[in-house]
Amino acid sequence: MAERWISVCLLDRLIERTILCTRLAGVDLILIWDGEKAVACARACPHEQADLCLGHLSMGRLFCPRHAASFDLSDGRISDGWSSPPLRLYPIRIAEEQVWIDGEAVASSARKPGA
């Protein structure tokens, strides 16, 4: 069983970089600093598997570098007009100046199709 909360980086590093790539439990993830909150999500776009680490942020949305669709960082929903499952988001928290991801949720998604 995976550890519940795993420290993945310093908060200052995430704030400085805005988008960071990481891998946890065999799952490629990105960490995002969206001005006032941290978000953890799948690195691959659920539409065409483009690398979202190459995307950009605007007004609480992550834009895919391949097709310009965007994902709401609060629920993963894709922008109107695109047929795609939502972007997979993972539980995240900030404590002790560290960014922590729910390792059990990530490990569980690795066992499911489409992770």
Protein backbone atom coordinates (compact mmCIF):
# COMPACT_ATOMS: atom_id res chain seq x y z
CA MET A 1 0.00 0.00 0.00
CA ALA A 2 1.29 3.47 -0.88
CA GLU A 3 2.10 6.04 1.75
CA ARG A 4 -0.81 8.45 2.17
CA TRP A 5 0.94 11.86 1.90
CA ILE A 6 4.24 12.18 0.05
CA SER A 7 6.34 15.34 -0.07
CA VAL A 8 7.19 16.11 -3.70
CA CYS A 9 8.84 19.56 -3.61
CA LEU A 10 9.35 22.75 -1.67
CA LEU A 11 6.51 25.24 -2.00
CA ASP A 12 8.97 28.02 -2.93
CA ARG A 13 10.24 25.96 -5.87
CA LEU A 14 6.71 25.42 -7.18
CA ILE A 15 5.84 29.10 -6.83
CA GLU A 16 9.04 30.06 -8.66
CA ARG A 17 8.51 27.62 -11.56
CA THR A 18 4.65 27.68 -11.74
CA ILE A 19 4.54 24.27 -13.50
CA LEU A 20 6.72 21.34 -12.36
CA CYS A 21 6.86 17.81 -13.71
CA THR A 22 7.18 14.86 -11.35
CA ARG A 23 6.57 11.13 -11.26
CA LEU A 24 4.99 9.28 -8.39
CA ALA A 25 3.98 5.60 -8.14
CA GLY A 26 4.69 5.19 -11.86
CA VAL A 27 2.36 8.07 -12.80
CA ASP A 28 3.58 11.19 -14.61
CA LEU A 29 2.16 14.27 -12.91
CA ILE A 30 2.45 18.01 -13.02
CA LEU A 31 2.27 20.38 -10.09
CA ILE A 32 0.83 23.80 -10.77
CA TRP A 33 0.94 27.00 -8.77
CA ASP A 34 -2.09 29.02 -9.80
CA GLY A 35 -1.44 32.29 -7.99
CA GLU A 36 -2.81 31.27 -4.63
CA LYS A 37 -3.23 27.51 -4.68
CA ALA A 38 -1.40 24.37 -5.70
CA VAL A 39 -2.90 21.76 -8.02
CA ALA A 40 -1.67 18.27 -8.93
CA CYS A 41 -2.88 16.63 -12.12
CA ALA A 42 -2.08 14.09 -14.81
CA ARG A 43 0.73 15.18 -17.12
CA ALA A 44 -0.88 13.79 -20.29
CA CYS A 45 -3.83 15.58 -21.86
CA PRO A 46 -6.82 13.20 -21.75
CA HIS A 47 -7.78 14.29 -25.28
CA GLU A 48 -4.61 13.45 -27.28
CA GLN A 49 -2.00 12.75 -24.58
CA ALA A 50 -0.05 15.96 -25.27
CA ASP A 51 2.48 16.93 -22.60
CA LEU A 52 0.63 19.42 -20.41
CA CYS A 53 3.92 20.43 -18.80
CA LEU A 54 4.39 22.44 -22.01
CA GLY A 55 1.01 24.14 -21.60
CA HIS A 56 0.29 27.52 -20.06
CA LEU A 57 -1.96 28.90 -17.33
CA SER A 58 -4.55 31.62 -17.57
CA MET A 59 -7.42 32.55 -15.26
CA GLY A 60 -7.55 29.24 -13.38
CA ARG A 61 -7.24 27.10 -16.51
CA LEU A 62 -4.44 24.94 -17.93
CA PHE A 63 -4.19 25.17 -21.73
CA CYS A 64 -3.03 22.20 -23.78
CA PRO A 65 -0.05 23.02 -26.03
CA ARG A 66 -1.37 20.84 -28.85
CA HIS A 67 -4.99 21.82 -29.41
CA ALA A 68 -5.59 24.91 -27.23
CA ALA A 69 -8.40 23.29 -25.24
CA SER A 70 -8.19 24.18 -21.57
CA PHE A 71 -8.95 22.47 -18.30
CA ASP A 72 -10.54 24.01 -15.22
CA LEU A 73 -8.06 23.57 -12.37
CA SER A 74 -10.83 23.26 -9.79
CA ASP A 75 -12.52 20.19 -11.31
CA GLY A 76 -10.56 19.15 -14.43
CA ARG A 77 -13.42 19.87 -16.83
CA ILE A 78 -12.37 20.55 -20.44
CA SER A 79 -13.46 23.73 -22.21
CA ASP A 80 -16.70 23.76 -24.21
CA GLY A 81 -16.62 22.25 -27.67
CA TRP A 82 -14.20 19.41 -26.88
CA SER A 83 -15.23 15.84 -26.24
CA SER A 84 -12.80 14.53 -23.70
CA PRO A 85 -12.86 13.13 -20.21
CA PRO A 86 -11.84 15.61 -17.52
CA LEU A 87 -8.23 16.09 -16.56
CA ARG A 88 -7.41 13.82 -13.63
CA LEU A 89 -6.71 15.86 -10.49
CA TYR A 90 -5.08 14.52 -7.34
CA PRO A 91 -5.46 15.56 -3.69
CA ILE A 92 -2.69 17.94 -2.67
CA ARG A 93 -1.86 19.93 0.43
CA ILE A 94 0.70 22.42 1.63
CA ALA A 95 2.33 21.86 5.02
CA GLU A 96 5.70 22.74 6.51
CA GLU A 97 6.63 24.72 3.35
CA GLN A 98 6.33 21.49 1.33
CA VAL A 99 3.91 20.35 -1.36
CA TRP A 100 2.40 16.96 -0.51
CA ILE A 101 0.41 14.65 -2.82
CA ASP A 102 -1.94 11.88 -1.77
CA GLY A 103 0.20 8.86 -2.71
CA GLU A 104 -2.68 6.43 -2.25
CA ALA A 105 -4.83 8.31 -4.77
CA VAL A 106 -1.98 8.35 -7.30
CA ALA A 107 -1.20 4.66 -6.80
CA SER A 108 -4.89 3.80 -7.12
CA SER A 109 -5.14 5.69 -10.43
CA ALA A 110 -2.10 3.82 -11.74
CA ARG A 111 -4.07 0.59 -11.40
CA LYS A 112 -7.03 1.97 -13.40
CA PRO A 113 -7.21 2.24 -17.20
CA GLY A 114 -6.50 5.73 -18.54
CA ALA A 115 -4.18 6.69 -15.69
